Amino acid sequence: MSFSGFAQFAAMLAELHHMNAENQRLRDEVDQVNDKYHALHDQLIKQMEKQRKNEVICFFVLFCNYINLLIRISYLVELLLNCNIFAHEF
């Protein structure tokens, strides 16, 4: 192998080494982006589950308040009926 052939071979090996290092750096970056994506996705899922739980709790509280209001209204109607407020003599 001539000196110029050896120099070309060495230059190609150096370029190959540089390309391998660049490939590894890019793979590491892709892995980091992938990890961050999965972490954000997990956070989104947790927030959505939390929001659903909060919606269920809010619905339950509103439903209980509605039932409580109905009970109070029925109590007031019964009280008024017992007081003969609705009794009219013609």
N, C-alpha and C. Protein backbone atom coordinates (compact mmCIF):
# COMPACT_ATOMS: atom_id res chain seq x y z
N MET A 1 0.87 -1.17 0.00
CA MET A 1 0.00 0.00 0.00
C MET A 1 0.91 1.22 0.00
N SER A 2 0.60 2.13 -0.90
CA SER A 2 1.41 3.34 -1.00
C SER A 2 1.04 4.30 0.12
N PHE A 3 1.90 5.28 0.28
CA PHE A 3 1.66 6.29 1.33
C PHE A 3 0.35 7.02 1.08
N SER A 4 0.06 7.37 -0.17
CA SER A 4 -1.19 8.10 -0.47
C SER A 4 -2.40 7.20 -0.22
N GLY A 5 -2.25 5.91 -0.56
CA GLY A 5 -3.34 4.96 -0.28
C GLY A 5 -3.56 4.81 1.22
N PHE A 6 -2.47 4.74 1.97
CA PHE A 6 -2.55 4.65 3.43
C PHE A 6 -3.18 5.92 4.02
N ALA A 7 -2.80 7.06 3.48
CA ALA A 7 -3.36 8.34 3.96
C ALA A 7 -4.86 8.40 3.69
N GLN A 8 -5.27 7.92 2.51
CA GLN A 8 -6.71 7.90 2.19
C GLN A 8 -7.44 6.95 3.15
N PHE A 9 -6.84 5.78 3.39
CA PHE A 9 -7.44 4.80 4.30
C PHE A 9 -7.56 5.38 5.70
N ALA A 10 -6.54 6.06 6.17
CA ALA A 10 -6.56 6.68 7.51
C ALA A 10 -7.62 7.77 7.56
N ALA A 11 -7.73 8.55 6.48
CA ALA A 11 -8.74 9.61 6.45
C ALA A 11 -10.14 9.01 6.48
N MET A 12 -10.33 7.91 5.74
CA MET A 12 -11.64 7.25 5.72
C MET A 12 -11.97 6.67 7.10
N LEU A 13 -10.97 6.07 7.77
CA LEU A 13 -11.20 5.56 9.12
C LEU A 13 -11.54 6.68 10.10
N ALA A 14 -10.85 7.80 9.95
CA ALA A 14 -11.13 8.94 10.83
C ALA A 14 -12.55 9.44 10.58
N GLU A 15 -12.95 9.52 9.32
CA GLU A 15 -14.31 9.96 8.98
C GLU A 15 -15.34 8.97 9.51
N LEU A 16 -15.06 7.67 9.36
CA LEU A 16 -15.96 6.64 9.88
C LEU A 16 -16.09 6.77 11.40
N HIS A 17 -14.97 6.97 12.07
CA HIS A 17 -15.00 7.16 13.53
C HIS A 17 -15.84 8.40 13.90
N HIS A 18 -15.66 9.48 13.16
CA HIS A 18 -16.43 10.71 13.39
C HIS A 18 -17.93 10.47 13.16
N MET A 19 -18.26 9.73 12.08
CA MET A 19 -19.66 9.44 11.77
C MET A 19 -20.28 8.54 12.85
N ASN A 20 -19.52 7.56 13.34
CA ASN A 20 -20.02 6.69 14.42
C ASN A 20 -20.29 7.50 15.69
N ALA A 21 -19.37 8.41 16.00
CA ALA A 21 -19.57 9.26 17.18
C ALA A 21 -20.81 10.15 17.00
N GLU A 22 -20.98 10.71 15.81
CA GLU A 22 -22.15 11.55 15.54
C GLU A 22 -23.44 10.73 15.61
N ASN A 23 -23.42 9.52 15.06
CA ASN A 23 -24.58 8.63 15.15
C ASN A 23 -24.94 8.35 16.61
N GLN A 24 -23.93 8.06 17.42
CA GLN A 24 -24.18 7.78 18.83
C GLN A 24 -24.78 9.00 19.52
N ARG A 25 -24.24 10.19 19.23
CA ARG A 25 -24.77 11.42 19.83
C ARG A 25 -26.23 11.62 19.42
N LEU A 26 -26.54 11.39 18.15
CA LEU A 26 -27.92 11.54 17.67
C LEU A 26 -28.85 10.49 18.30
N ARG A 27 -28.36 9.26 18.46
CA ARG A 27 -29.17 8.22 19.13
C ARG A 27 -29.47 8.61 20.56
N ASP A 28 -28.46 9.16 21.25
CA ASP A 28 -28.66 9.60 22.63
C ASP A 28 -29.70 10.71 22.70
N GLU A 29 -29.64 11.65 21.76
CA GLU A 29 -30.63 12.73 21.73
C GLU A 29 -32.04 12.19 21.47
N VAL A 30 -32.15 11.25 20.54
CA VAL A 30 -33.46 10.63 20.25
C VAL A 30 -33.98 9.92 21.50
N ASP A 31 -33.11 9.21 22.20
CA ASP A 31 -33.51 8.54 23.44
C ASP A 31 -34.00 9.55 24.48
N GLN A 32 -33.31 10.68 24.60
CA GLN A 32 -33.73 11.71 25.57
C GLN A 32 -35.09 12.29 25.19
N VAL A 33 -35.28 12.57 23.90
CA VAL A 33 -36.57 13.10 23.45
C VAL A 33 -37.66 12.07 23.70
N ASN A 34 -37.37 10.82 23.43
CA ASN A 34 -38.34 9.74 23.65
C ASN A 34 -38.70 9.64 25.13
N ASP A 35 -37.69 9.69 26.00
CA ASP A 35 -37.95 9.63 27.45
C ASP A 35 -38.79 10.81 27.91
N LYS A 36 -38.48 12.01 27.41
CA LYS A 36 -39.25 13.19 27.79
C LYS A 36 -40.69 13.09 27.28
N TYR A 37 -40.86 12.58 26.07
CA TYR A 37 -42.21 12.39 25.52
C TYR A 37 -43.02 11.46 26.42
N HIS A 38 -42.42 10.33 26.79
CA HIS A 38 -43.14 9.37 27.64
C HIS A 38 -43.46 9.96 29.01
N ALA A 39 -42.55 10.74 29.56
CA ALA A 39 -42.80 11.39 30.85
C ALA A 39 -43.96 12.37 30.73
N LEU A 40 -43.97 13.17 29.67
CA LEU A 40 -45.07 14.11 29.47
C LEU A 40 -46.38 13.38 29.23
N HIS A 41 -46.33 12.30 28.48
CA HIS A 41 -47.54 11.50 28.23
C HIS A 41 -48.09 10.95 29.54
N ASP A 42 -47.21 10.43 30.39
CA ASP A 42 -47.65 9.92 31.69
C ASP A 42 -48.28 11.02 32.54
N GLN A 43 -47.68 12.21 32.52
CA GLN A 43 -48.24 13.34 33.27
C GLN A 43 -49.61 13.70 32.73
N LEU A 44 -49.76 13.70 31.41
CA LEU A 44 -51.05 14.02 30.81
C LEU A 44 -52.11 13.01 31.23
N ILE A 45 -51.78 11.74 31.20
CA ILE A 45 -52.73 10.69 31.60
C ILE A 45 -53.13 10.87 33.06
N LYS A 46 -52.15 11.16 33.93
CA LYS A 46 -52.45 11.35 35.35
C LYS A 46 -53.36 12.56 35.55
N GLN A 47 -53.10 13.66 34.82
CA GLN A 47 -53.94 14.85 34.93
C GLN A 47 -55.35 14.56 34.44
N MET A 48 -55.48 13.81 33.36
CA MET A 48 -56.80 13.47 32.84
C MET A 48 -57.57 12.61 33.84
N GLU A 49 -56.89 11.65 34.46
CA GLU A 49 -57.54 10.82 35.48
C GLU A 49 -57.96 11.66 36.68
N LYS A 50 -57.08 12.57 37.09
CA LYS A 50 -57.39 13.45 38.22
C LYS A 50 -58.60 14.33 37.89
N GLN A 51 -58.64 14.84 36.66
CA GLN A 51 -59.76 15.69 36.25
C GLN A 51 -61.06 14.89 36.25
N ARG A 52 -61.00 13.64 35.76
CA ARG A 52 -62.21 12.80 35.77
C ARG A 52 -62.68 12.55 37.19
N LYS A 53 -61.74 12.28 38.10
CA LYS A 53 -62.11 12.05 39.50
C LYS A 53 -62.75 13.30 40.08
N ASN A 54 -62.17 14.48 39.77
CA ASN A 54 -62.73 15.73 40.27
C ASN A 54 -64.13 15.97 39.70
N GLU A 55 -64.34 15.63 38.43
CA GLU A 55 -65.66 15.79 37.82
C GLU A 55 -66.67 14.88 38.51
N VAL A 56 -66.27 13.66 38.82
CA VAL A 56 -67.17 12.72 39.50
C VAL A 56 -67.51 13.25 40.89
N ILE A 57 -66.50 13.76 41.60
CA ILE A 57 -66.72 14.30 42.94
C ILE A 57 -67.66 15.51 42.86
N CYS A 58 -67.42 16.40 41.89
CA CYS A 58 -68.29 17.58 41.73
C CYS A 58 -69.72 17.15 41.43
N PHE A 59 -69.89 16.17 40.54
CA PHE A 59 -71.23 15.68 40.23
C PHE A 59 -71.89 15.11 41.49
N PHE A 60 -71.14 14.34 42.27
CA PHE A 60 -71.69 13.75 43.48
C PHE A 60 -72.12 14.83 44.48
N VAL A 61 -71.28 15.86 44.64
CA VAL A 61 -71.61 16.96 45.56
C VAL A 61 -72.87 17.69 45.08
N LEU A 62 -72.94 17.98 43.78
CA LEU A 62 -74.13 18.64 43.24
C LEU A 62 -75.37 17.77 43.42
N PHE A 63 -75.22 16.47 43.18
CA PHE A 63 -76.34 15.57 43.35
C PHE A 63 -76.81 15.54 44.81
N CYS A 64 -75.87 15.49 45.74
CA CYS A 64 -76.22 15.50 47.17
C CYS A 64 -76.91 16.81 47.55
N ASN A 65 -76.42 17.93 47.04
CA ASN A 65 -77.05 19.21 47.30
C ASN A 65 -78.47 19.24 46.74
N TYR A 66 -78.66 18.68 45.56
CA TYR A 66 -79.99 18.62 44.95
C TYR A 66 -80.93 17.78 45.80
N ILE A 67 -80.48 16.63 46.25
CA ILE A 67 -81.30 15.76 47.11
C ILE A 67 -81.63 16.48 48.41
N ASN A 68 -80.65 17.14 48.99
CA ASN A 68 -80.86 17.90 50.23
C ASN A 68 -81.92 18.98 50.01
N LEU A 69 -81.84 19.67 48.87
CA LEU A 69 -82.82 20.71 48.55
C LEU A 69 -84.21 20.11 48.40
N LEU A 70 -84.32 18.97 47.75
CA LEU A 70 -85.63 18.31 47.60
C LEU A 70 -86.20 17.90 48.95
N ILE A 71 -85.36 17.41 49.82
CA ILE A 71 -85.81 17.02 51.16
C ILE A 71 -86.32 18.25 51.91
N ARG A 72 -85.61 19.36 51.82
CA ARG A 72 -86.04 20.58 52.50
C ARG A 72 -87.37 21.11 51.93
N ILE A 73 -87.49 21.04 50.61
CA ILE A 73 -88.75 21.49 50.00
C ILE A 73 -89.89 20.61 50.44
N SER A 74 -89.69 19.30 50.45
CA SER A 74 -90.78 18.41 50.87
C SER A 74 -91.12 18.64 52.34
N TYR A 75 -90.11 18.94 53.14
CA TYR A 75 -90.36 19.24 54.56
C TYR A 75 -91.19 20.52 54.69
N LEU A 76 -90.84 21.54 53.92
CA LEU A 76 -91.59 22.80 53.97
C LEU A 76 -93.02 22.62 53.48
N VAL A 77 -93.20 21.83 52.42
CA VAL A 77 -94.56 21.57 51.92
C VAL A 77 -95.36 20.84 52.97
N GLU A 78 -94.76 19.85 53.60
CA GLU A 78 -95.46 19.11 54.65
C GLU A 78 -95.81 20.04 55.82
N LEU A 79 -94.88 20.90 56.19
CA LEU A 79 -95.12 21.86 57.27
C LEU A 79 -96.27 22.80 56.92
N LEU A 80 -96.29 23.29 55.69
CA LEU A 80 -97.36 24.18 55.25
C LEU A 80 -98.70 23.46 55.21
N LEU A 81 -98.68 22.22 54.76
CA LEU A 81 -99.93 21.45 54.73
C LEU A 81 -100.45 21.20 56.13
N ASN A 82 -99.58 20.95 57.06
CA ASN A 82 -99.98 20.71 58.45
C ASN A 82 -100.52 21.97 59.10
N CYS A 83 -100.08 23.12 58.62
CA CYS A 83 -100.56 24.39 59.17
C CYS A 83 -101.84 24.85 58.47
N ASN A 84 -102.35 24.06 57.58
CA ASN A 84 -103.57 24.37 56.83
C ASN A 84 -103.45 25.66 56.04
N ILE A 85 -102.28 25.99 55.60
CA ILE A 85 -102.09 27.19 54.79
C ILE A 85 -102.81 27.04 53.46
N PHE A 86 -102.86 25.82 52.96
CA PHE A 86 -103.45 25.60 51.65
C PHE A 86 -104.97 25.34 51.75
N ALA A 87 -105.46 25.27 52.94
CA ALA A 87 -106.91 24.98 53.10
C ALA A 87 -107.68 26.28 52.83
N HIS A 88 -108.59 26.23 51.90
CA HIS A 88 -109.43 27.38 51.56
C HIS A 88 -110.89 26.99 51.80
N GLU A 89 -111.59 27.83 52.46
CA GLU A 89 -113.01 27.58 52.64
C GLU A 89 -113.76 28.50 51.70
N PHE A 90 -114.63 27.91 50.92
CA PHE A 90 -115.40 28.72 49.96
C PHE A 90 -116.80 28.85 50.41
